[in-house]
Amino acid sequence: MIEKIELQKCKNLANEIDKIFPLSPKTKEAFCQIKREKFVPVGFKHYAYKLDALPLSSDQWISSPLTVAKMTEYLQIDKDVDSVLEIGCGSGYQAAILSKIVRRVFSIERIEKLSNEAKQRFKEMGLININVRCDDGQNGWSSFAPYDRILFSATAKEIPQKIFDQLKIGGILIAPIEKQDVHIITKYIKQADVISKIELESCKFVPILDGVEK
């Protein structure tokens, strides 16, 4: 009975997002399967299925489900997309949504505590296609490059060249970019000899930081 109630909450959340920001069938189904309450602190579980960002430990936040949905859709994941690299794992909610849409998800988190918690959460939920690494996300994860898609779940002032180097030709990178004190979700498309850029909409994310926090 509890399982049924939780999944109904997921379905209601997916429907609420879909009314505001139309979702593709595969993204909507992902939201119907991933229980957001598994990713929020115990004291905030009654807010888990609201369209709010919520605080985590280490001064981090779990993004609003609406923001997660937008970032997912902006990646334009189709049947040919095999791998996604996420920079900024946080609670792991974004990676969990992606894991229901794409075959392989690689997620980097610079805060060791959050990285370990996300690994344990994915294990308990049986999400075996998510790989988590504790590192400075600005280094990327070259071992499994190139990636079909790259997603920044934290705001950057600019995208390091080494990250673009890990994106496939024809691949898409989505990132919130800081621009004159405003954060703009920006889409980059890597072509053979140039990287094109499209600004999509304003947003609010925590900033990407250097180094690793043990």
N, C-alpha and C. Protein backbone atom coordinates (compact mmCIF):
# COMPACT_ATOMS: atom_id res chain seq x y z
N MET A 1 0.82 -1.21 0.00
CA MET A 1 0.00 0.00 0.00
C MET A 1 0.86 1.27 0.00
N ILE A 2 1.93 1.26 0.86
CA ILE A 2 2.82 2.42 0.92
C ILE A 2 3.48 2.65 -0.43
N GLU A 3 3.94 1.57 -1.06
CA GLU A 3 4.57 1.66 -2.39
C GLU A 3 3.62 2.30 -3.40
N LYS A 4 2.37 1.89 -3.36
CA LYS A 4 1.36 2.41 -4.29
C LYS A 4 1.12 3.90 -4.06
N ILE A 5 1.08 4.31 -2.79
CA ILE A 5 0.87 5.72 -2.45
C ILE A 5 2.05 6.56 -2.93
N GLU A 6 3.27 6.06 -2.72
CA GLU A 6 4.47 6.80 -3.14
C GLU A 6 4.50 6.97 -4.66
N LEU A 7 4.17 5.91 -5.38
CA LEU A 7 4.18 6.00 -6.84
C LEU A 7 3.07 6.93 -7.35
N GLN A 8 1.95 6.99 -6.65
CA GLN A 8 0.90 7.92 -7.02
C GLN A 8 1.36 9.36 -6.83
N LYS A 9 2.13 9.60 -5.78
CA LYS A 9 2.70 10.93 -5.55
C LYS A 9 3.65 11.30 -6.70
N CYS A 10 4.44 10.34 -7.15
CA CYS A 10 5.35 10.56 -8.28
C CYS A 10 4.56 10.91 -9.53
N LYS A 11 3.49 10.17 -9.76
CA LYS A 11 2.65 10.42 -10.93
C LYS A 11 2.00 11.79 -10.87
N ASN A 12 1.53 12.17 -9.70
CA ASN A 12 0.93 13.50 -9.53
C ASN A 12 1.95 14.60 -9.79
N LEU A 13 3.19 14.38 -9.32
CA LEU A 13 4.26 15.36 -9.54
C LEU A 13 4.53 15.48 -11.04
N ALA A 14 4.63 14.34 -11.73
CA ALA A 14 4.89 14.36 -13.17
C ALA A 14 3.79 15.11 -13.92
N ASN A 15 2.54 14.89 -13.52
CA ASN A 15 1.42 15.58 -14.16
C ASN A 15 1.46 17.08 -13.90
N GLU A 16 1.86 17.46 -12.68
CA GLU A 16 1.95 18.88 -12.34
C GLU A 16 3.03 19.58 -13.17
N ILE A 17 4.17 18.92 -13.29
CA ILE A 17 5.25 19.48 -14.12
C ILE A 17 4.80 19.60 -15.57
N ASP A 18 4.15 18.56 -16.06
CA ASP A 18 3.72 18.49 -17.46
C ASP A 18 2.76 19.62 -17.82
N LYS A 19 1.97 20.08 -16.87
CA LYS A 19 1.04 21.18 -17.12
C LYS A 19 1.77 22.50 -17.32
N ILE A 20 2.91 22.62 -16.63
CA ILE A 20 3.69 23.86 -16.70
C ILE A 20 4.70 23.82 -17.84
N PHE A 21 5.35 22.67 -17.99
CA PHE A 21 6.42 22.49 -18.97
C PHE A 21 6.21 21.12 -19.61
N PRO A 22 5.62 21.06 -20.78
CA PRO A 22 5.28 19.78 -21.40
C PRO A 22 6.47 18.83 -21.49
N LEU A 23 6.25 17.60 -21.03
CA LEU A 23 7.31 16.60 -21.00
C LEU A 23 7.16 15.58 -22.11
N SER A 24 8.30 15.08 -22.58
CA SER A 24 8.26 13.95 -23.51
C SER A 24 7.80 12.73 -22.72
N PRO A 25 7.23 11.73 -23.39
CA PRO A 25 6.75 10.53 -22.68
C PRO A 25 7.81 9.85 -21.83
N LYS A 26 9.05 9.77 -22.34
CA LYS A 26 10.08 9.06 -21.58
C LYS A 26 10.50 9.84 -20.33
N THR A 27 10.52 11.17 -20.42
CA THR A 27 10.86 11.97 -19.24
C THR A 27 9.74 11.90 -18.21
N LYS A 28 8.52 11.99 -18.67
CA LYS A 28 7.38 11.90 -17.75
C LYS A 28 7.37 10.56 -17.03
N GLU A 29 7.64 9.49 -17.75
CA GLU A 29 7.67 8.16 -17.14
C GLU A 29 8.79 8.05 -16.11
N ALA A 30 9.93 8.70 -16.37
CA ALA A 30 11.04 8.70 -15.41
C ALA A 30 10.61 9.34 -14.10
N PHE A 31 9.92 10.47 -14.19
CA PHE A 31 9.44 11.14 -12.97
C PHE A 31 8.41 10.29 -12.24
N CYS A 32 7.66 9.49 -12.97
CA CYS A 32 6.67 8.60 -12.35
C CYS A 32 7.33 7.45 -11.59
N GLN A 33 8.58 7.14 -11.92
CA GLN A 33 9.26 5.98 -11.33
C GLN A 33 10.20 6.32 -10.18
N ILE A 34 10.72 7.56 -10.15
CA ILE A 34 11.72 7.94 -9.16
C ILE A 34 11.07 8.69 -8.00
N LYS A 35 11.16 8.11 -6.81
CA LYS A 35 10.55 8.71 -5.61
C LYS A 35 11.45 9.82 -5.06
N ARG A 36 11.00 11.05 -5.19
CA ARG A 36 11.85 12.17 -4.79
C ARG A 36 12.12 12.18 -3.29
N GLU A 37 11.22 11.63 -2.50
CA GLU A 37 11.40 11.64 -1.05
C GLU A 37 12.66 10.89 -0.63
N LYS A 38 13.16 9.99 -1.50
CA LYS A 38 14.39 9.25 -1.20
C LYS A 38 15.61 10.17 -1.24
N PHE A 39 15.46 11.36 -1.82
CA PHE A 39 16.60 12.24 -2.06
C PHE A 39 16.61 13.49 -1.19
N VAL A 40 15.58 13.69 -0.37
CA VAL A 40 15.51 14.89 0.46
C VAL A 40 15.77 14.53 1.91
N PRO A 41 16.27 15.48 2.71
CA PRO A 41 16.48 15.21 4.15
C PRO A 41 15.18 14.81 4.84
N VAL A 42 15.29 14.02 5.87
CA VAL A 42 14.12 13.48 6.57
C VAL A 42 13.13 14.57 6.97
N GLY A 43 13.62 15.69 7.45
CA GLY A 43 12.75 16.76 7.91
C GLY A 43 11.99 17.46 6.82
N PHE A 44 12.32 17.19 5.57
CA PHE A 44 11.66 17.86 4.44
C PHE A 44 10.84 16.90 3.57
N LYS A 45 10.64 15.68 4.03
CA LYS A 45 9.95 14.69 3.20
C LYS A 45 8.52 15.11 2.86
N HIS A 46 7.88 15.90 3.73
CA HIS A 46 6.52 16.34 3.41
C HIS A 46 6.50 17.39 2.31
N TYR A 47 7.68 17.89 1.93
CA TYR A 47 7.78 18.84 0.82
C TYR A 47 8.30 18.17 -0.46
N ALA A 48 8.58 16.88 -0.40
CA ALA A 48 9.29 16.18 -1.48
C ALA A 48 8.59 16.29 -2.82
N TYR A 49 7.27 16.32 -2.82
CA TYR A 49 6.54 16.30 -4.10
C TYR A 49 5.96 17.67 -4.46
N LYS A 50 6.54 18.70 -3.87
CA LYS A 50 6.19 20.07 -4.26
C LYS A 50 7.25 20.58 -5.23
N LEU A 51 6.90 21.61 -5.97
CA LEU A 51 7.84 22.14 -6.98
C LEU A 51 8.82 23.14 -6.36
N ASP A 52 9.49 22.70 -5.31
CA ASP A 52 10.42 23.57 -4.58
C ASP A 52 11.81 22.96 -4.55
N ALA A 53 12.82 23.82 -4.62
CA ALA A 53 14.17 23.39 -4.30
C ALA A 53 14.25 23.22 -2.79
N LEU A 54 15.04 22.25 -2.32
CA LEU A 54 15.12 21.97 -0.89
C LEU A 54 16.58 21.88 -0.46
N PRO A 55 16.87 22.30 0.79
CA PRO A 55 18.26 22.30 1.26
C PRO A 55 18.77 20.89 1.54
N LEU A 56 20.06 20.70 1.27
CA LEU A 56 20.77 19.48 1.62
C LEU A 56 21.85 19.84 2.63
N SER A 57 22.64 18.88 3.03
CA SER A 57 23.79 19.17 3.88
C SER A 57 24.88 19.86 3.05
N SER A 58 25.89 20.38 3.72
CA SER A 58 27.05 21.02 3.07
C SER A 58 26.66 22.24 2.24
N ASP A 59 25.60 22.93 2.67
CA ASP A 59 25.14 24.15 1.99
C ASP A 59 24.77 23.93 0.54
N GLN A 60 24.30 22.73 0.22
CA GLN A 60 23.87 22.41 -1.14
C GLN A 60 22.35 22.31 -1.19
N TRP A 61 21.82 22.20 -2.41
CA TRP A 61 20.37 22.14 -2.61
C TRP A 61 20.01 21.04 -3.60
N ILE A 62 18.83 20.46 -3.41
CA ILE A 62 18.25 19.60 -4.43
C ILE A 62 17.34 20.48 -5.27
N SER A 63 17.57 20.49 -6.57
CA SER A 63 16.84 21.40 -7.47
C SER A 63 15.34 21.11 -7.45
N SER A 64 14.58 22.12 -7.81
CA SER A 64 13.15 21.94 -8.01
C SER A 64 12.91 20.85 -9.05
N PRO A 65 11.88 20.00 -8.88
CA PRO A 65 11.57 19.00 -9.91
C PRO A 65 11.32 19.63 -11.27
N LEU A 66 10.78 20.83 -11.29
CA LEU A 66 10.55 21.52 -12.56
C LEU A 66 11.87 21.83 -13.25
N THR A 67 12.85 22.28 -12.47
CA THR A 67 14.18 22.57 -13.04
C THR A 67 14.84 21.29 -13.55
N VAL A 68 14.73 20.21 -12.78
CA VAL A 68 15.29 18.92 -13.21
C VAL A 68 14.65 18.48 -14.52
N ALA A 69 13.35 18.67 -14.63
CA ALA A 69 12.64 18.30 -15.86
C ALA A 69 13.13 19.12 -17.04
N LYS A 70 13.29 20.41 -16.83
CA LYS A 70 13.76 21.28 -17.92
C LYS A 70 15.15 20.89 -18.38
N MET A 71 16.06 20.68 -17.42
CA MET A 71 17.43 20.32 -17.78
C MET A 71 17.46 19.00 -18.54
N THR A 72 16.61 18.07 -18.11
CA THR A 72 16.53 16.77 -18.78
C THR A 72 16.06 16.92 -20.22
N GLU A 73 15.01 17.70 -20.41
CA GLU A 73 14.46 17.88 -21.77
C GLU A 73 15.42 18.65 -22.66
N TYR A 74 16.12 19.62 -22.09
CA TYR A 74 17.06 20.41 -22.91
C TYR A 74 18.21 19.57 -23.44
N LEU A 75 18.49 18.43 -22.80
CA LEU A 75 19.55 17.54 -23.29
C LEU A 75 19.17 16.85 -24.60
N GLN A 76 17.87 16.85 -24.92
CA GLN A 76 17.38 16.23 -26.16
C GLN A 76 17.88 14.80 -26.30
N ILE A 77 17.56 13.97 -25.33
CA ILE A 77 18.01 12.58 -25.33
C ILE A 77 17.12 11.76 -26.26
N ASP A 78 17.72 11.23 -27.31
CA ASP A 78 16.98 10.36 -28.23
C ASP A 78 17.56 8.96 -28.17
N LYS A 79 17.10 8.09 -29.04
CA LYS A 79 17.49 6.67 -29.00
C LYS A 79 18.97 6.45 -29.28
N ASP A 80 19.64 7.43 -29.89
CA ASP A 80 21.05 7.27 -30.21
C ASP A 80 21.97 7.71 -29.07
N VAL A 81 21.38 8.31 -28.02
CA VAL A 81 22.18 8.77 -26.88
C VAL A 81 22.44 7.61 -25.93
N ASP A 82 23.71 7.31 -25.69
CA ASP A 82 24.09 6.17 -24.85
C ASP A 82 24.60 6.61 -23.48
N SER A 83 25.28 7.76 -23.42
CA SER A 83 25.92 8.16 -22.16
C SER A 83 25.74 9.65 -21.87
N VAL A 84 25.56 9.94 -20.58
CA VAL A 84 25.45 11.32 -20.10
C VAL A 84 26.42 11.51 -18.94
N LEU A 85 27.18 12.59 -18.97
CA LEU A 85 28.03 12.97 -17.86
C LEU A 85 27.37 14.13 -17.12
N GLU A 86 27.16 13.97 -15.82
CA GLU A 86 26.61 15.06 -15.01
C GLU A 86 27.69 15.59 -14.09
N ILE A 87 27.82 16.89 -14.03
CA ILE A 87 28.78 17.54 -13.15
C ILE A 87 28.01 18.23 -12.04
N GLY A 88 28.10 17.65 -10.84
CA GLY A 88 27.35 18.15 -9.69
C GLY A 88 26.24 17.20 -9.30
N CYS A 89 26.60 16.05 -8.72
CA CYS A 89 25.61 15.01 -8.42
C CYS A 89 24.63 15.43 -7.33
N GLY A 90 25.15 16.11 -6.28
CA GLY A 90 24.28 16.52 -5.18
C GLY A 90 23.59 15.34 -4.53
N SER A 91 22.28 15.41 -4.42
CA SER A 91 21.51 14.30 -3.82
C SER A 91 21.43 13.10 -4.75
N GLY A 92 21.60 13.34 -6.06
CA GLY A 92 21.51 12.26 -7.03
C GLY A 92 20.17 12.20 -7.76
N TYR A 93 19.26 13.13 -7.46
CA TYR A 93 17.92 13.07 -8.06
C TYR A 93 17.97 13.24 -9.58
N GLN A 94 18.75 14.21 -10.05
CA GLN A 94 18.87 14.41 -11.49
C GLN A 94 19.44 13.17 -12.17
N ALA A 95 20.49 12.60 -11.58
CA ALA A 95 21.10 11.40 -12.16
C ALA A 95 20.11 10.24 -12.18
N ALA A 96 19.30 10.14 -11.14
CA ALA A 96 18.31 9.06 -11.07
C ALA A 96 17.27 9.18 -12.19
N ILE A 97 16.81 10.41 -12.43
CA ILE A 97 15.87 10.64 -13.53
C ILE A 97 16.52 10.25 -14.86
N LEU A 98 17.76 10.68 -15.06
CA LEU A 98 18.46 10.36 -16.31
C LEU A 98 18.66 8.86 -16.48
N SER A 99 18.84 8.15 -15.37
CA SER A 99 19.11 6.71 -15.43
C SER A 99 17.93 5.93 -16.01
N LYS A 100 16.74 6.51 -15.98
CA LYS A 100 15.56 5.84 -16.54
C LYS A 100 15.38 6.16 -18.03
N ILE A 101 16.24 7.03 -18.55
CA ILE A 101 16.10 7.48 -19.94
C ILE A 101 17.28 7.05 -20.81
N VAL A 102 18.46 6.98 -20.21
CA VAL A 102 19.68 6.70 -20.98
C VAL A 102 20.39 5.49 -20.36
N ARG A 103 21.17 4.78 -21.16
CA ARG A 103 21.79 3.52 -20.71
C ARG A 103 22.85 3.71 -19.64
N ARG A 104 23.68 4.76 -19.78
CA ARG A 104 24.78 4.96 -18.83
C ARG A 104 24.82 6.41 -18.34
N VAL A 105 24.89 6.59 -17.03
CA VAL A 105 24.99 7.91 -16.42
C VAL A 105 26.26 7.96 -15.58
N PHE A 106 27.05 8.99 -15.78
CA PHE A 106 28.27 9.22 -15.00
C PHE A 106 28.10 10.55 -14.28
N SER A 107 28.23 10.53 -12.96
CA SER A 107 27.96 11.74 -12.19
C SER A 107 29.12 12.04 -11.24
N ILE A 108 29.58 13.28 -11.25
CA ILE A 108 30.72 13.69 -10.43
C ILE A 108 30.23 14.63 -9.32
N GLU A 109 30.71 14.39 -8.10
CA GLU A 109 30.38 15.25 -6.96
C GLU A 109 31.66 15.58 -6.19
N ARG A 110 31.89 16.86 -5.93
CA ARG A 110 33.13 17.28 -5.28
C ARG A 110 33.09 17.11 -3.76
N ILE A 111 31.89 16.99 -3.17
CA ILE A 111 31.76 16.84 -1.72
C ILE A 111 31.65 15.35 -1.39
N GLU A 112 32.64 14.81 -0.71
CA GLU A 112 32.71 13.37 -0.49
C GLU A 112 31.48 12.83 0.23
N LYS A 113 30.98 13.56 1.22
CA LYS A 113 29.80 13.11 1.97
C LYS A 113 28.60 12.92 1.04
N LEU A 114 28.35 13.89 0.17
CA LEU A 114 27.23 13.80 -0.76
C LEU A 114 27.45 12.67 -1.77
N SER A 115 28.68 12.53 -2.21
CA SER A 115 29.02 11.46 -3.17
C SER A 115 28.72 10.09 -2.57
N ASN A 116 29.16 9.87 -1.33
CA ASN A 116 28.93 8.58 -0.68
C ASN A 116 27.44 8.33 -0.44
N GLU A 117 26.73 9.37 -0.04
CA GLU A 117 25.28 9.23 0.19
C GLU A 117 24.55 8.88 -1.10
N ALA A 118 24.95 9.53 -2.19
CA ALA A 118 24.31 9.25 -3.48
C ALA A 118 24.57 7.81 -3.91
N LYS A 119 25.81 7.34 -3.75
CA LYS A 119 26.15 5.96 -4.11
C LYS A 119 25.27 4.97 -3.35
N GLN A 120 25.13 5.20 -2.05
CA GLN A 120 24.32 4.31 -1.23
C GLN A 120 22.86 4.36 -1.63
N ARG A 121 22.37 5.54 -1.93
CA ARG A 121 20.98 5.72 -2.36
C ARG A 121 20.71 4.95 -3.66
N PHE A 122 21.61 5.09 -4.61
CA PHE A 122 21.43 4.39 -5.90
C PHE A 122 21.46 2.87 -5.69
N LYS A 123 22.34 2.41 -4.80
CA LYS A 123 22.44 0.98 -4.52
C LYS A 123 21.13 0.46 -3.94
N GLU A 124 20.58 1.20 -2.96
CA GLU A 124 19.33 0.79 -2.31
C GLU A 124 18.16 0.79 -3.29
N MET A 125 18.21 1.69 -4.27
CA MET A 125 17.12 1.81 -5.23
C MET A 125 17.31 0.91 -6.45
N GLY A 126 18.44 0.20 -6.51
CA GLY A 126 18.69 -0.69 -7.63
C GLY A 126 19.01 0.01 -8.93
N LEU A 127 19.54 1.24 -8.83
CA LEU A 127 19.88 2.00 -10.04
C LEU A 127 21.33 1.68 -10.40
N ILE A 128 21.51 0.60 -11.11
CA ILE A 128 22.85 0.06 -11.34
C ILE A 128 23.58 0.69 -12.52
N ASN A 129 22.91 1.56 -13.28
CA ASN A 129 23.56 2.17 -14.45
C ASN A 129 24.08 3.58 -14.17
N ILE A 130 24.18 3.94 -12.88
CA ILE A 130 24.75 5.25 -12.51
C ILE A 130 26.11 5.02 -11.88
N ASN A 131 27.12 5.70 -12.40
CA ASN A 131 28.47 5.65 -11.86
C ASN A 131 28.78 6.99 -11.20
N VAL A 132 29.22 6.96 -9.94
CA VAL A 132 29.49 8.20 -9.19
C VAL A 132 30.96 8.28 -8.83
N ARG A 133 31.50 9.48 -8.97
CA ARG A 133 32.90 9.70 -8.63
C ARG A 133 33.03 10.98 -7.82
N CYS A 134 33.85 10.96 -6.78
CA CYS A 134 34.14 12.16 -6.01
C CYS A 134 35.38 12.82 -6.60
N ASP A 135 35.19 14.01 -7.16
CA ASP A 135 36.29 14.71 -7.83
C ASP A 135 35.84 16.13 -8.11
N ASP A 136 36.77 16.96 -8.53
CA ASP A 136 36.45 18.30 -9.04
C ASP A 136 35.80 18.11 -10.40
N GLY A 137 34.51 18.44 -10.50
CA GLY A 137 33.77 18.21 -11.74
C GLY A 137 34.33 18.92 -12.95
N GLN A 138 35.11 19.97 -12.73
CA GLN A 138 35.67 20.73 -13.84
C GLN A 138 36.75 19.94 -14.58
N ASN A 139 37.15 18.79 -13.99
CA ASN A 139 38.08 17.91 -14.68
C ASN A 139 37.36 16.94 -15.61
N GLY A 140 36.05 16.80 -15.41
CA GLY A 140 35.31 15.81 -16.18
C GLY A 140 35.67 14.41 -15.73
N TRP A 141 35.42 13.44 -16.61
CA TRP A 141 35.71 12.03 -16.31
C TRP A 141 36.19 11.40 -17.61
N SER A 142 37.47 11.60 -17.88
CA SER A 142 38.02 11.26 -19.20
C SER A 142 38.02 9.76 -19.49
N SER A 143 38.00 8.92 -18.46
CA SER A 143 38.08 7.47 -18.66
C SER A 143 36.97 6.93 -19.55
N PHE A 144 35.78 7.55 -19.47
CA PHE A 144 34.64 7.05 -20.21
C PHE A 144 34.21 7.98 -21.35
N ALA A 145 35.01 9.00 -21.59
CA ALA A 145 34.72 9.94 -22.68
C ALA A 145 34.99 9.28 -24.03
N PRO A 146 34.38 9.78 -25.12
CA PRO A 146 33.50 10.95 -25.14
C PRO A 146 32.06 10.61 -24.78
N TYR A 147 31.33 11.63 -24.31
CA TYR A 147 29.94 11.47 -23.90
C TYR A 147 29.00 12.07 -24.95
N ASP A 148 27.84 11.48 -25.06
CA ASP A 148 26.83 12.01 -25.99
C ASP A 148 26.24 13.32 -25.47
N ARG A 149 26.11 13.40 -24.14
CA ARG A 149 25.55 14.59 -23.50
C ARG A 149 26.33 14.89 -22.23
N ILE A 150 26.44 16.18 -21.91
CA ILE A 150 27.05 16.61 -20.65
C ILE A 150 26.12 17.62 -20.00
N LEU A 151 25.90 17.47 -18.70
CA LEU A 151 25.00 18.36 -17.96
C LEU A 151 25.71 18.92 -16.74
N PHE A 152 25.68 20.23 -16.61
CA PHE A 152 26.17 20.88 -15.39
C PHE A 152 24.98 21.11 -14.47
N SER A 153 25.05 20.58 -13.25
CA SER A 153 24.00 20.84 -12.25
C SER A 153 24.49 21.87 -11.24
N ALA A 154 25.37 22.73 -11.67
CA ALA A 154 25.88 23.85 -10.88
C ALA A 154 26.29 24.94 -11.87
N THR A 155 26.24 26.18 -11.40
CA THR A 155 26.53 27.32 -12.29
C THR A 155 28.03 27.51 -12.50
N ALA A 156 28.41 27.70 -13.75
CA ALA A 156 29.80 27.95 -14.11
C ALA A 156 29.94 29.34 -14.75
N LYS A 157 31.09 29.93 -14.60
CA LYS A 157 31.35 31.19 -15.29
C LYS A 157 31.71 30.93 -16.75
N GLU A 158 32.34 29.79 -16.98
CA GLU A 158 32.65 29.36 -18.34
C GLU A 158 32.87 27.84 -18.32
N ILE A 159 32.80 27.24 -19.48
CA ILE A 159 33.01 25.79 -19.58
C ILE A 159 34.47 25.51 -19.92
N PRO A 160 35.17 24.74 -19.08
CA PRO A 160 36.58 24.43 -19.38
C PRO A 160 36.71 23.68 -20.71
N GLN A 161 37.77 23.95 -21.43
CA GLN A 161 37.99 23.28 -22.71
C GLN A 161 38.08 21.77 -22.54
N LYS A 162 38.65 21.32 -21.41
CA LYS A 162 38.79 19.88 -21.20
C LYS A 162 37.42 19.19 -21.11
N ILE A 163 36.38 19.93 -20.74
CA ILE A 163 35.02 19.37 -20.71
C ILE A 163 34.49 19.25 -22.14
N PHE A 164 34.67 20.29 -22.93
CA PHE A 164 34.26 20.20 -24.34
C PHE A 164 34.99 19.07 -25.06
N ASP A 165 36.25 18.84 -24.67
CA ASP A 165 37.03 17.77 -25.29
C ASP A 165 36.43 16.40 -25.01
N GLN A 166 35.65 16.28 -23.93
CA GLN A 166 35.04 15.01 -23.55
C GLN A 166 33.63 14.83 -24.12
N LEU A 167 33.19 15.79 -24.93
CA LEU A 167 31.87 15.72 -25.57
C LEU A 167 32.03 15.25 -27.01
N LYS A 168 31.18 14.32 -27.42
CA LYS A 168 31.24 13.81 -28.79
C LYS A 168 30.92 14.89 -29.82
N ILE A 169 31.44 14.74 -31.01
CA ILE A 169 31.02 15.58 -32.12
C ILE A 169 29.51 15.38 -32.32
N GLY A 170 28.77 16.45 -32.39
CA GLY A 170 27.32 16.35 -32.50
C GLY A 170 26.63 16.31 -31.15
N GLY A 171 27.43 16.26 -30.06
CA GLY A 171 26.88 16.19 -28.71
C GLY A 171 26.37 17.53 -28.21
N ILE A 172 25.58 17.46 -27.14
CA ILE A 172 24.98 18.64 -26.53
C ILE A 172 25.44 18.76 -25.09
N LEU A 173 25.79 19.97 -24.68
CA LEU A 173 26.14 20.27 -23.30
C LEU A 173 25.18 21.33 -22.79
N ILE A 174 24.57 21.09 -21.63
CA ILE A 174 23.66 22.04 -21.01
C ILE A 174 24.27 22.51 -19.71
N ALA A 175 24.32 23.82 -19.51
CA ALA A 175 24.92 24.35 -18.28
C ALA A 175 24.31 25.69 -17.91
N PRO A 176 24.11 25.93 -16.61
CA PRO A 176 23.76 27.28 -16.16
C PRO A 176 25.04 28.12 -16.17
N ILE A 177 25.01 29.22 -16.88
CA ILE A 177 26.19 30.08 -17.00
C ILE A 177 25.93 31.42 -16.30
N GLU A 178 26.89 31.82 -15.47
CA GLU A 178 26.79 33.10 -14.78
C GLU A 178 27.11 34.23 -15.76
N LYS A 179 26.18 35.17 -15.86
CA LYS A 179 26.34 36.27 -16.81
C LYS A 179 25.81 37.55 -16.18
N GLN A 180 26.73 38.40 -15.72
CA GLN A 180 26.35 39.66 -15.08
C GLN A 180 25.35 39.43 -13.94
N ASP A 181 25.74 38.56 -13.01
CA ASP A 181 24.95 38.25 -11.81
C ASP A 181 23.63 37.54 -12.10
N VAL A 182 23.44 37.07 -13.31
CA VAL A 182 22.26 36.29 -13.67
C VAL A 182 22.73 34.92 -14.14
N HIS A 183 21.98 33.89 -13.81
CA HIS A 183 22.31 32.54 -14.29
C HIS A 183 21.42 32.21 -15.48
N ILE A 184 22.05 31.80 -16.58
CA ILE A 184 21.32 31.51 -17.82
C ILE A 184 21.58 30.05 -18.23
N ILE A 185 20.50 29.26 -18.32
CA ILE A 185 20.67 27.90 -18.85
C ILE A 185 21.06 28.02 -20.32
N THR A 186 22.20 27.44 -20.66
CA THR A 186 22.78 27.62 -21.99
C THR A 186 23.03 26.25 -22.63
N LYS A 187 22.67 26.16 -23.90
CA LYS A 187 22.91 24.92 -24.65
C LYS A 187 24.07 25.11 -25.61
N TYR A 188 25.02 24.19 -25.54
CA TYR A 188 26.16 24.18 -26.45
C TYR A 188 26.05 22.94 -27.35
N ILE A 189 26.30 23.13 -28.62
CA ILE A 189 26.30 22.01 -29.57
C ILE A 189 27.69 21.94 -30.20
N LYS A 190 28.33 20.78 -30.04
CA LYS A 190 29.69 20.62 -30.56
C LYS A 190 29.65 20.09 -31.99
N GLN A 191 30.19 20.89 -32.88
CA GLN A 191 30.31 20.47 -34.27
C GLN A 191 31.78 20.25 -34.58
N ALA A 192 32.08 19.80 -35.76
CA ALA A 192 33.45 19.40 -36.09
C ALA A 192 34.46 20.52 -35.86
N ASP A 193 34.11 21.74 -36.20
CA ASP A 193 35.09 22.83 -36.11
C ASP A 193 34.61 24.03 -35.31
N VAL A 194 33.47 23.92 -34.66
CA VAL A 194 32.95 25.05 -33.90
C VAL A 194 31.98 24.55 -32.84
N ILE A 195 31.83 25.32 -31.77
CA ILE A 195 30.83 25.03 -30.74
C ILE A 195 29.82 26.17 -30.73
N SER A 196 28.59 25.86 -31.08
CA SER A 196 27.55 26.89 -31.11
C SER A 196 26.89 26.99 -29.74
N LYS A 197 26.29 28.14 -29.46
CA LYS A 197 25.73 28.40 -28.14
C LYS A 197 24.35 29.05 -28.26
N ILE A 198 23.40 28.57 -27.47
CA ILE A 198 22.04 29.13 -27.44
C ILE A 198 21.65 29.36 -25.98
N GLU A 199 21.25 30.58 -25.64
CA GLU A 199 20.78 30.87 -24.29
C GLU A 199 19.30 30.55 -24.21
N LEU A 200 18.90 29.76 -23.19
CA LEU A 200 17.54 29.25 -23.11
C LEU A 200 16.66 30.02 -22.13
N GLU A 201 17.06 30.11 -20.86
CA GLU A 201 16.25 30.83 -19.88
C GLU A 201 17.06 31.08 -18.61
N SER A 202 16.58 31.99 -17.79
CA SER A 202 17.26 32.28 -16.53
C SER A 202 16.96 31.19 -15.51
N CYS A 203 17.81 31.06 -14.51
CA CYS A 203 17.67 29.99 -13.52
C CYS A 203 18.44 30.39 -12.27
N LYS A 204 18.46 29.48 -11.29
CA LYS A 204 19.24 29.70 -10.07
C LYS A 204 19.82 28.38 -9.61
N PHE A 205 21.15 28.28 -9.62
CA PHE A 205 21.84 27.09 -9.16
C PHE A 205 22.95 27.50 -8.20
N VAL A 206 23.43 26.56 -7.40
CA VAL A 206 24.62 26.83 -6.60
C VAL A 206 25.82 26.89 -7.54
N PRO A 207 26.86 27.66 -7.18
CA PRO A 207 28.02 27.78 -8.08
C PRO A 207 28.91 26.54 -8.03
N ILE A 208 29.55 26.26 -9.13
CA ILE A 208 30.55 25.20 -9.16
C ILE A 208 31.80 25.72 -8.46
N LEU A 209 32.44 24.87 -7.67
CA LEU A 209 33.62 25.28 -6.90
C LEU A 209 34.81 24.40 -7.25
N ASP A 210 35.99 24.92 -6.97
CA ASP A 210 37.21 24.18 -7.26
C ASP A 210 37.51 23.15 -6.18
N GLY A 211 38.21 22.10 -6.57
CA GLY A 211 38.71 21.13 -5.62
C GLY A 211 37.69 20.16 -5.09
N VAL A 212 38.15 19.36 -4.12
CA VAL A 212 37.31 18.32 -3.51
C VAL A 212 37.20 18.60 -2.01
N GLU A 213 36.02 18.40 -1.46
CA GLU A 213 35.78 18.60 -0.03
C GLU A 213 35.64 17.24 0.65
N LYS A 214 36.59 16.91 1.48
CA LYS A 214 36.58 15.61 2.17
C LYS A 214 35.76 15.69 3.45
